[in-house]
Amino acid sequence: MNQELTVQESHYLAMNIVGEALEKDGYEFLAINSNLKKNPQFVTLKNKETFFILVRSVFSADDLKQPQNINMEPILTHAKKNNAKVFYAGVWLGHSLDINKPILKEEDYSFVYNGLKEII
C-alpha cells in the first residue's frame, strides 16, 4: 500500500510547481531555500525588482488566498531592508482523483495554483 507524502515532500512539490511557473514568467532566481521553517523560499529578480516569495502547500481553497500561521514581521522587516516586494504562493495539493484526499507516493496528483498574491 502506498504511503502519503510527508509535509516536507508536499512542500518540495509545491516549490517545484511555483518554481516552474516563476521560471516561465521570466524570474531570475537569486536564492532558493527549501526548508519549510525558513522564509522566503525564493528570492527572485525580475525587471530589476527583488521579490521574496513564500511558498506553502495548502489543503483548501481558502488557504490559497493568504498565508496561514506564518510570522510575517521578520519577513517584512527583511524585505524592507532589501527594498523587496513580498508575495505568497499557495499550492493546493491533492490526489489526482479527488483533490480533497492526500497524495500517495507513486500515484498521480492534482493541484491548484492561482499565482502570486502580493503581501507588500
C-alpha atoms as a PDB file:
ATOM      1  CA  MET A   1       0.000   0.000   0.000  1.00  0.00           C
ATOM      2  CA  ASN A   2       1.326   3.445  -0.908  1.00  0.00           C
ATOM      3  CA  GLN A   3       2.149   5.971   1.775  1.00  0.00           C
ATOM      4  CA  GLU A   4       1.045   9.608   1.925  1.00  0.00           C
ATOM      5  CA  LEU A   5       3.589  12.289   1.116  1.00  0.00           C
ATOM      6  CA  THR A   6       5.187  13.814   4.180  1.00  0.00           C
ATOM      7  CA  VAL A   7       4.704  17.514   4.944  1.00  0.00           C
ATOM      8  CA  GLN A   8       8.247  18.199   3.692  1.00  0.00           C
ATOM      9  CA  GLU A   9       7.653  16.208   0.472  1.00  0.00           C
ATOM     10  CA  SER A  10       4.438  18.170  -0.149  1.00  0.00           C
ATOM     11  CA  HIS A  11       6.406  21.381   0.387  1.00  0.00           C
ATOM     12  CA  TYR A  12       9.050  20.305  -2.168  1.00  0.00           C
ATOM     13  CA  LEU A  13       6.309  19.523  -4.673  1.00  0.00           C
ATOM     14  CA  ALA A  14       4.678  22.926  -4.131  1.00  0.00           C
ATOM     15  CA  MET A  15       8.072  24.611  -4.549  1.00  0.00           C
ATOM     16  CA  ASN A  16       8.637  22.779  -7.839  1.00  0.00           C
ATOM     17  CA  ILE A  17       5.243  23.883  -9.155  1.00  0.00           C
ATOM     18  CA  VAL A  18       5.836  27.520  -8.169  1.00  0.00           C
ATOM     19  CA  GLY A  19       9.459  27.458  -9.342  1.00  0.00           C
ATOM     20  CA  GLU A  20       8.455  26.260 -12.806  1.00  0.00           C
ATOM     21  CA  ALA A  21       5.800  28.992 -13.046  1.00  0.00           C
ATOM     22  CA  LEU A  22       8.287  31.670 -11.952  1.00  0.00           C
ATOM     23  CA  GLU A  23      10.830  30.466 -14.484  1.00  0.00           C
ATOM     24  CA  LYS A  24       8.229  30.604 -17.284  1.00  0.00           C
ATOM     25  CA  ASP A  25       7.329  34.157 -16.202  1.00  0.00           C
ATOM     26  CA  GLY A  26      10.936  35.303 -16.533  1.00  0.00           C
ATOM     27  CA  TYR A  27      12.010  35.482 -12.890  1.00  0.00           C
ATOM     28  CA  GLU A  28      15.712  35.041 -12.145  1.00  0.00           C
ATOM     29  CA  PHE A  29      16.470  33.011  -9.023  1.00  0.00           C
ATOM     30  CA  LEU A  30      18.907  34.640  -6.613  1.00  0.00           C
ATOM     31  CA  ALA A  31      18.351  32.214  -3.709  1.00  0.00           C
ATOM     32  CA  ILE A  32      16.294  29.109  -3.016  1.00  0.00           C
ATOM     33  CA  ASN A  33      15.513  27.801   0.463  1.00  0.00           C
ATOM     34  CA  SER A  34      13.583  24.541   0.591  1.00  0.00           C
ATOM     35  CA  ASN A  35      13.370  24.409   4.394  1.00  0.00           C
ATOM     36  CA  LEU A  36       9.715  24.661   5.378  1.00  0.00           C
ATOM     37  CA  LYS A  37      10.514  26.621   8.545  1.00  0.00           C
ATOM     38  CA  LYS A  38      12.638  29.284   6.800  1.00  0.00           C
ATOM     39  CA  ASN A  39      11.232  32.169   4.779  1.00  0.00           C
ATOM     40  CA  PRO A  40      11.254  33.152   1.997  1.00  0.00           C
ATOM     41  CA  GLN A  41      11.595  30.059  -0.173  1.00  0.00           C
ATOM     42  CA  PHE A  42      12.553  32.042  -3.269  1.00  0.00           C
ATOM     43  CA  VAL A  43      14.420  35.304  -3.657  1.00  0.00           C
ATOM     44  CA  THR A  44      13.986  36.380  -7.250  1.00  0.00           C
ATOM     45  CA  LEU A  45      14.708  39.252  -9.574  1.00  0.00           C
ATOM     46  CA  LYS A  46      12.556  40.496 -12.436  1.00  0.00           C
ATOM     47  CA  ASN A  47      12.756  43.833 -14.231  1.00  0.00           C
ATOM     48  CA  LYS A  48      15.397  44.983 -11.705  1.00  0.00           C
ATOM     49  CA  GLU A  49      12.995  44.394  -8.778  1.00  0.00           C
ATOM     50  CA  THR A  50      13.628  41.959  -5.932  1.00  0.00           C
ATOM     51  CA  PHE A  51      10.873  39.616  -4.794  1.00  0.00           C
ATOM     52  CA  PHE A  52      10.627  37.418  -1.701  1.00  0.00           C
ATOM     53  CA  ILE A  53       8.252  34.540  -2.347  1.00  0.00           C
ATOM     54  CA  LEU A  54       6.710  32.430   0.424  1.00  0.00           C
ATOM     55  CA  VAL A  55       5.567  29.015  -0.794  1.00  0.00           C
ATOM     56  CA  ARG A  56       3.107  26.831   1.098  1.00  0.00           C
ATOM     57  CA  SER A  57       1.404  23.550   0.314  1.00  0.00           C
ATOM     58  CA  VAL A  58      -2.206  24.013   1.422  1.00  0.00           C
ATOM     59  CA  PHE A  59      -5.247  21.813   1.865  1.00  0.00           C
ATOM     60  CA  SER A  60      -8.190  24.055   0.994  1.00  0.00           C
ATOM     61  CA  ALA A  61      -9.209  26.773  -1.439  1.00  0.00           C
ATOM     62  CA  ASP A  62      -9.335  29.357   1.364  1.00  0.00           C
ATOM     63  CA  ASP A  63      -5.651  28.830   2.167  1.00  0.00           C
ATOM     64  CA  LEU A  64      -4.694  29.697  -1.418  1.00  0.00           C
ATOM     65  CA  LYS A  65      -5.555  33.341  -0.809  1.00  0.00           C
ATOM     66  CA  GLN A  66      -3.297  34.267   2.101  1.00  0.00           C
ATOM     67  CA  PRO A  67      -0.567  32.747   4.257  1.00  0.00           C
ATOM     68  CA  GLN A  68      -1.647  30.918   7.383  1.00  0.00           C
ATOM     69  CA  ASN A  69       0.449  30.553  10.533  1.00  0.00           C
ATOM     70  CA  ILE A  70       3.449  32.481   9.240  1.00  0.00           C
ATOM     71  CA  ASN A  71       5.096  35.126  11.424  1.00  0.00           C
ATOM     72  CA  MET A  72       5.271  37.896   8.832  1.00  0.00           C
ATOM     73  CA  GLU A  73       7.106  40.514  10.909  1.00  0.00           C
ATOM     74  CA  PRO A  74      10.678  39.255  10.301  1.00  0.00           C
ATOM     75  CA  ILE A  75       9.992  38.688   6.600  1.00  0.00           C
ATOM     76  CA  LEU A  76       8.521  42.160   6.118  1.00  0.00           C
ATOM     77  CA  THR A  77      11.410  43.766   8.026  1.00  0.00           C
ATOM     78  CA  HIS A  78      13.957  41.876   5.909  1.00  0.00           C
ATOM     79  CA  ALA A  79      12.097  42.823   2.716  1.00  0.00           C
ATOM     80  CA  LYS A  80      12.044  46.491   3.676  1.00  0.00           C
ATOM     81  CA  LYS A  81      15.816  46.458   4.301  1.00  0.00           C
ATOM     82  CA  ASN A  82      16.344  44.906   0.875  1.00  0.00           C
ATOM     83  CA  ASN A  83      13.768  47.010  -0.986  1.00  0.00           C
ATOM     84  CA  ALA A  84      11.927  43.802  -1.917  1.00  0.00           C
ATOM     85  CA  LYS A  85       8.299  43.002  -2.507  1.00  0.00           C
ATOM     86  CA  VAL A  86       6.798  40.014  -0.685  1.00  0.00           C
ATOM     87  CA  PHE A  87       4.485  37.536  -2.380  1.00  0.00           C
ATOM     88  CA  TYR A  88       2.648  34.443  -1.209  1.00  0.00           C
ATOM     89  CA  ALA A  89       2.297  31.351  -3.386  1.00  0.00           C
ATOM     90  CA  GLY A  90      -0.181  28.818  -2.047  1.00  0.00           C
ATOM     91  CA  VAL A  91      -0.473  25.485  -3.825  1.00  0.00           C
ATOM     92  CA  TRP A  92      -3.432  23.233  -3.028  1.00  0.00           C
ATOM     93  CA  LEU A  93      -2.256  19.654  -3.477  1.00  0.00           C
ATOM     94  CA  GLY A  94      -4.323  16.503  -3.531  1.00  0.00           C
ATOM     95  CA  HIS A  95      -4.846  13.101  -5.081  1.00  0.00           C
ATOM     96  CA  SER A  96      -5.476  13.079  -8.833  1.00  0.00           C
ATOM     97  CA  LEU A  97      -8.958  11.579  -8.435  1.00  0.00           C
ATOM     98  CA  ASP A  98     -10.046  13.799  -5.531  1.00  0.00           C
ATOM     99  CA  ILE A  99      -8.085  16.896  -4.547  1.00  0.00           C
ATOM    100  CA  ASN A 100      -9.539  16.648  -1.033  1.00  0.00           C
ATOM    101  CA  LYS A 101      -7.707  13.364  -0.477  1.00  0.00           C
ATOM    102  CA  PRO A 102      -3.986  13.182   0.303  1.00  0.00           C
ATOM    103  CA  ILE A 103      -1.347  12.490  -2.312  1.00  0.00           C
ATOM    104  CA  LEU A 104       0.027   8.978  -2.183  1.00  0.00           C
ATOM    105  CA  LYS A 105       3.608   8.216  -3.164  1.00  0.00           C
ATOM    106  CA  GLU A 106       3.930   6.729  -6.636  1.00  0.00           C
ATOM    107  CA  GLU A 107       0.446   7.950  -7.635  1.00  0.00           C
ATOM    108  CA  ASP A 108      -0.708  10.908  -9.693  1.00  0.00           C
ATOM    109  CA  TYR A 109      -1.656  14.158  -8.022  1.00  0.00           C
ATOM    110  CA  SER A 110      -3.668  17.256  -8.821  1.00  0.00           C
ATOM    111  CA  PHE A 111      -3.072  20.842  -7.776  1.00  0.00           C
ATOM    112  CA  VAL A 112      -4.490  24.334  -7.859  1.00  0.00           C
ATOM    113  CA  TYR A 113      -2.078  27.244  -8.103  1.00  0.00           C
ATOM    114  CA  ASN A 114      -3.563  30.671  -8.756  1.00  0.00           C
ATOM    115  CA  GLY A 115      -0.293  32.571  -8.986  1.00  0.00           C
ATOM    116  CA  LEU A 116       1.393  35.035  -6.677  1.00  0.00           C
ATOM    117  CA  LYS A 117      -0.540  37.088  -4.126  1.00  0.00           C
ATOM    118  CA  GLU A 118       1.190  40.329  -3.155  1.00  0.00           C
ATOM    119  CA  ILE A 119       1.634  40.905   0.566  1.00  0.00           C
ATOM    120  CA  ILE A 120       3.601  44.159   0.230  1.00  0.00           C
END
